[in-house]
Amino acid sequence: MGPPGQSQFAHPPPPQQQQPGPQGQFAPPLPRMNAPPGGAPPQGPPHGPPRGAPTGNGSAALGRTGPPPPKYPPGDRSHISDEIQPVYVVLSGQLERLKQTTPPSQKRLVDDLARRINPLFDALNCDTLSKPVQEKLLVLSRAIEAHDRDGAMALHMDLLTTGSLTDDIGLWMSGVKQLILRL
């Protein structure tokens, strides 16, 4: 504390030096020398992008690429391996049964179910699912084949919680669940 009657802020702080203005691409434009009167833009072709501006595809420049293209076209089922074939046979059989037994007023529901489960068939065909997910799908298909709804739902939940850590199963798991519920 200072002497009485004087506050500790009696003297203003020494003036700070001004920070230099923004530089680079964030700096305000500099006045042009030899600019035509009236501020008209310069004539002639541009001399390329300004320094620091991205050129071309940004993701390619960063080394990013999209997911690899599928091995086989969607809808192709001729390359499903023999060991995982029972999953396709059981699920597609259940889907066909639903198509035949569902009344015409609910055809849209079955079409939606087929649309949801087709990515699973494509993944089986292209062999893009991990081995643990394939093994659980085999057990799940056996439970569906045995019309064990409770067991199939328990396996579905297990697959949903553990399989989603390794594979993108969200696209087709709702379709599998709908098949189980309609056993």
Protein backbone atom coordinates (compact mmCIF):
# COMPACT_ATOMS: atom_id res chain seq x y z
CA MET A 1 0.00 0.00 0.00
CA GLY A 2 1.12 3.53 -0.68
CA PRO A 3 0.86 6.68 1.47
CA PRO A 4 -2.62 7.70 2.66
CA GLY A 5 -4.66 9.64 0.17
CA GLN A 6 -2.96 8.00 -2.77
CA SER A 7 -4.29 4.87 -4.35
CA GLN A 8 -2.01 2.19 -5.52
CA PHE A 9 -3.09 3.02 -9.07
CA ALA A 10 -2.19 6.72 -8.91
CA HIS A 11 0.38 6.46 -11.63
CA PRO A 12 -0.81 5.07 -14.91
CA PRO A 13 1.06 2.02 -16.07
CA PRO A 14 3.75 2.64 -18.64
CA PRO A 15 2.38 2.60 -22.18
CA GLN A 16 2.61 -0.79 -23.82
CA GLN A 17 4.02 -1.18 -27.23
CA GLN A 18 1.44 -1.93 -29.86
CA GLN A 19 1.34 -5.44 -31.18
CA PRO A 20 2.07 -5.65 -34.89
CA GLY A 21 -1.05 -6.11 -37.00
CA PRO A 22 -2.09 -9.44 -38.47
CA GLN A 23 0.22 -10.89 -41.05
CA GLY A 24 -0.13 -13.45 -43.79
CA GLN A 25 -3.53 -14.35 -45.18
CA PHE A 26 -5.33 -12.53 -42.32
CA ALA A 27 -3.67 -9.16 -42.94
CA PRO A 28 -5.77 -6.39 -44.45
CA PRO A 29 -5.07 -5.83 -48.14
CA LEU A 30 -2.26 -3.43 -48.84
CA PRO A 31 -2.95 -0.42 -51.02
CA ARG A 32 -1.95 -1.11 -54.59
CA MET A 33 0.77 0.94 -56.13
CA ASN A 34 0.15 1.99 -59.69
CA ALA A 35 -3.52 1.01 -59.43
CA PRO A 36 -5.73 2.37 -62.19
CA PRO A 37 -7.81 5.38 -61.18
CA GLY A 38 -11.24 4.69 -59.73
CA GLY A 39 -10.15 1.45 -58.06
CA ALA A 40 -10.80 -0.67 -61.16
CA PRO A 41 -9.47 -4.21 -60.91
CA PRO A 42 -6.23 -4.94 -62.75
CA GLN A 43 -6.50 -6.34 -66.24
CA GLY A 44 -4.99 -9.63 -67.32
CA PRO A 45 -5.00 -13.23 -66.16
CA PRO A 46 -4.56 -14.10 -62.49
CA HIS A 47 -1.15 -15.31 -61.43
CA GLY A 48 -2.38 -18.42 -59.58
CA PRO A 49 -3.69 -18.91 -56.06
CA PRO A 50 -2.35 -16.77 -53.25
CA ARG A 51 0.39 -18.22 -51.14
CA GLY A 52 -0.93 -20.53 -48.45
CA ALA A 53 -4.19 -21.16 -50.30
CA PRO A 54 -5.15 -24.82 -50.66
CA THR A 55 -4.67 -26.28 -54.08
CA GLY A 56 -6.69 -29.15 -55.46
CA ASN A 57 -8.55 -31.63 -53.30
CA GLY A 58 -7.86 -30.98 -49.63
CA SER A 59 -8.44 -34.59 -48.56
CA ALA A 60 -6.02 -35.91 -51.16
CA ALA A 61 -3.41 -33.41 -50.03
CA LEU A 62 -3.79 -34.70 -46.47
CA GLY A 63 -3.45 -38.32 -47.57
CA ARG A 64 -7.05 -39.23 -46.72
CA THR A 65 -8.99 -41.58 -48.89
CA GLY A 66 -12.53 -42.88 -48.69
CA PRO A 67 -13.43 -46.43 -47.77
CA PRO A 68 -12.17 -49.02 -50.21
CA PRO A 69 -14.65 -49.96 -52.89
CA PRO A 70 -16.50 -53.23 -52.27
CA LYS A 71 -14.99 -56.33 -53.83
CA TYR A 72 -18.27 -57.28 -55.47
CA PRO A 73 -21.32 -55.26 -56.55
CA PRO A 74 -24.26 -54.85 -54.16
CA GLY A 75 -26.84 -57.59 -54.59
CA ASP A 76 -24.27 -60.20 -55.63
CA ARG A 77 -24.49 -63.24 -53.34
CA SER A 78 -22.24 -65.65 -55.23
CA HIS A 79 -19.10 -65.09 -53.14
CA ILE A 80 -20.42 -65.85 -49.64
CA SER A 81 -18.01 -68.33 -48.08
CA ASP A 82 -19.21 -71.82 -47.20
CA GLU A 83 -18.57 -71.31 -43.49
CA ILE A 84 -20.83 -68.23 -43.28
CA GLN A 85 -23.39 -69.45 -45.86
CA PRO A 86 -25.82 -70.73 -43.15
CA VAL A 87 -26.32 -67.15 -41.93
CA TYR A 88 -27.39 -66.07 -45.40
CA VAL A 89 -29.59 -69.14 -45.93
CA VAL A 90 -31.46 -68.75 -42.62
CA LEU A 91 -31.92 -64.96 -42.78
CA SER A 92 -32.90 -64.86 -46.44
CA GLY A 93 -35.28 -67.79 -45.84
CA GLN A 94 -36.96 -65.90 -42.99
CA LEU A 95 -37.20 -62.83 -45.20
CA GLU A 96 -38.83 -64.84 -48.00
CA ARG A 97 -41.27 -66.39 -45.51
CA LEU A 98 -42.25 -62.90 -44.39
CA LYS A 99 -42.71 -61.74 -47.98
CA GLN A 100 -45.10 -64.62 -48.62
CA THR A 101 -47.10 -64.45 -45.38
CA THR A 102 -47.36 -60.70 -44.84
CA PRO A 103 -50.60 -59.13 -46.07
CA PRO A 104 -50.32 -56.70 -49.00
CA SER A 105 -51.18 -53.78 -46.72
CA GLN A 106 -47.88 -54.37 -44.88
CA LYS A 107 -45.73 -54.92 -47.98
CA ARG A 108 -43.91 -51.67 -47.32
CA LEU A 109 -42.79 -52.96 -43.92
CA VAL A 110 -41.25 -56.08 -45.47
CA ASP A 111 -39.58 -54.04 -48.22
CA ASP A 112 -38.04 -51.82 -45.54
CA LEU A 113 -36.84 -54.91 -43.69
CA ALA A 114 -35.20 -56.23 -46.87
CA ARG A 115 -33.57 -52.85 -47.46
CA ARG A 116 -32.14 -52.91 -43.93
CA ILE A 117 -30.80 -56.46 -44.09
CA ASN A 118 -29.27 -56.32 -47.59
CA PRO A 119 -26.11 -54.53 -46.32
CA LEU A 120 -25.49 -57.58 -44.12
CA PHE A 121 -25.73 -59.86 -47.14
CA ASP A 122 -23.36 -57.56 -49.04
CA ALA A 123 -20.90 -57.64 -46.12
CA LEU A 124 -21.10 -61.45 -46.03
CA ASN A 125 -20.50 -61.58 -49.78
CA CYS A 126 -17.50 -59.23 -49.65
CA ASP A 127 -16.13 -60.89 -46.48
CA THR A 128 -15.80 -57.58 -44.64
CA LEU A 129 -17.04 -58.72 -41.22
CA SER A 130 -14.58 -59.71 -38.51
CA LYS A 131 -14.36 -63.38 -37.49
CA PRO A 132 -15.91 -62.80 -34.02
CA VAL A 133 -18.94 -61.12 -35.61
CA GLN A 134 -19.24 -63.93 -38.16
CA GLU A 135 -19.15 -66.54 -35.39
CA LYS A 136 -21.84 -64.74 -33.40
CA LEU A 137 -23.97 -64.45 -36.52
CA LEU A 138 -23.69 -68.21 -37.01
CA VAL A 139 -24.94 -68.84 -33.47
CA LEU A 140 -27.68 -66.24 -33.95
CA SER A 141 -28.83 -67.87 -37.18
CA ARG A 142 -29.06 -71.25 -35.42
CA ALA A 143 -31.27 -69.68 -32.74
CA ILE A 144 -33.49 -68.11 -35.42
CA GLU A 145 -33.69 -71.42 -37.25
CA ALA A 146 -34.78 -73.11 -33.99
CA HIS A 147 -37.39 -70.34 -33.45
CA ASP A 148 -35.74 -69.48 -30.12
CA ARG A 149 -36.82 -65.84 -29.91
CA ASP A 150 -35.45 -65.22 -26.40
CA GLY A 151 -32.08 -66.77 -27.20
CA ALA A 152 -31.89 -64.90 -30.50
CA MET A 153 -32.70 -61.58 -28.80
CA ALA A 154 -29.99 -62.21 -26.19
CA LEU A 155 -27.49 -62.99 -28.96
CA HIS A 156 -28.64 -59.91 -30.86
CA MET A 157 -28.00 -57.73 -27.81
CA ASP A 158 -24.58 -59.31 -27.27
CA LEU A 159 -23.68 -58.74 -30.91
CA LEU A 160 -24.96 -55.19 -30.75
CA THR A 161 -22.81 -54.32 -27.73
CA THR A 162 -19.61 -56.17 -28.66
CA GLY A 163 -19.76 -56.25 -32.45
CA SER A 164 -20.19 -52.51 -32.80
CA LEU A 165 -16.70 -52.06 -31.36
CA THR A 166 -15.10 -53.72 -34.37
CA ASP A 167 -17.52 -53.59 -37.28
CA ASP A 168 -20.10 -51.23 -38.69
CA ILE A 169 -23.14 -53.31 -37.83
CA GLY A 170 -25.62 -50.52 -37.20
CA LEU A 171 -26.89 -50.61 -40.76
CA TRP A 172 -28.32 -54.09 -40.60
CA MET A 173 -28.84 -54.94 -36.92
CA SER A 174 -32.28 -53.34 -36.87
CA GLY A 175 -33.28 -55.61 -39.77
CA VAL A 176 -32.05 -58.68 -37.91
CA LYS A 177 -34.02 -57.60 -34.84
CA GLN A 178 -37.19 -57.21 -36.89
CA LEU A 179 -36.72 -60.73 -38.27
CA ILE A 180 -36.31 -62.06 -34.72
CA LEU A 181 -39.44 -60.27 -33.52
CA ARG A 182 -41.46 -61.82 -36.34
CA LEU A 183 -40.47 -65.42 -35.53
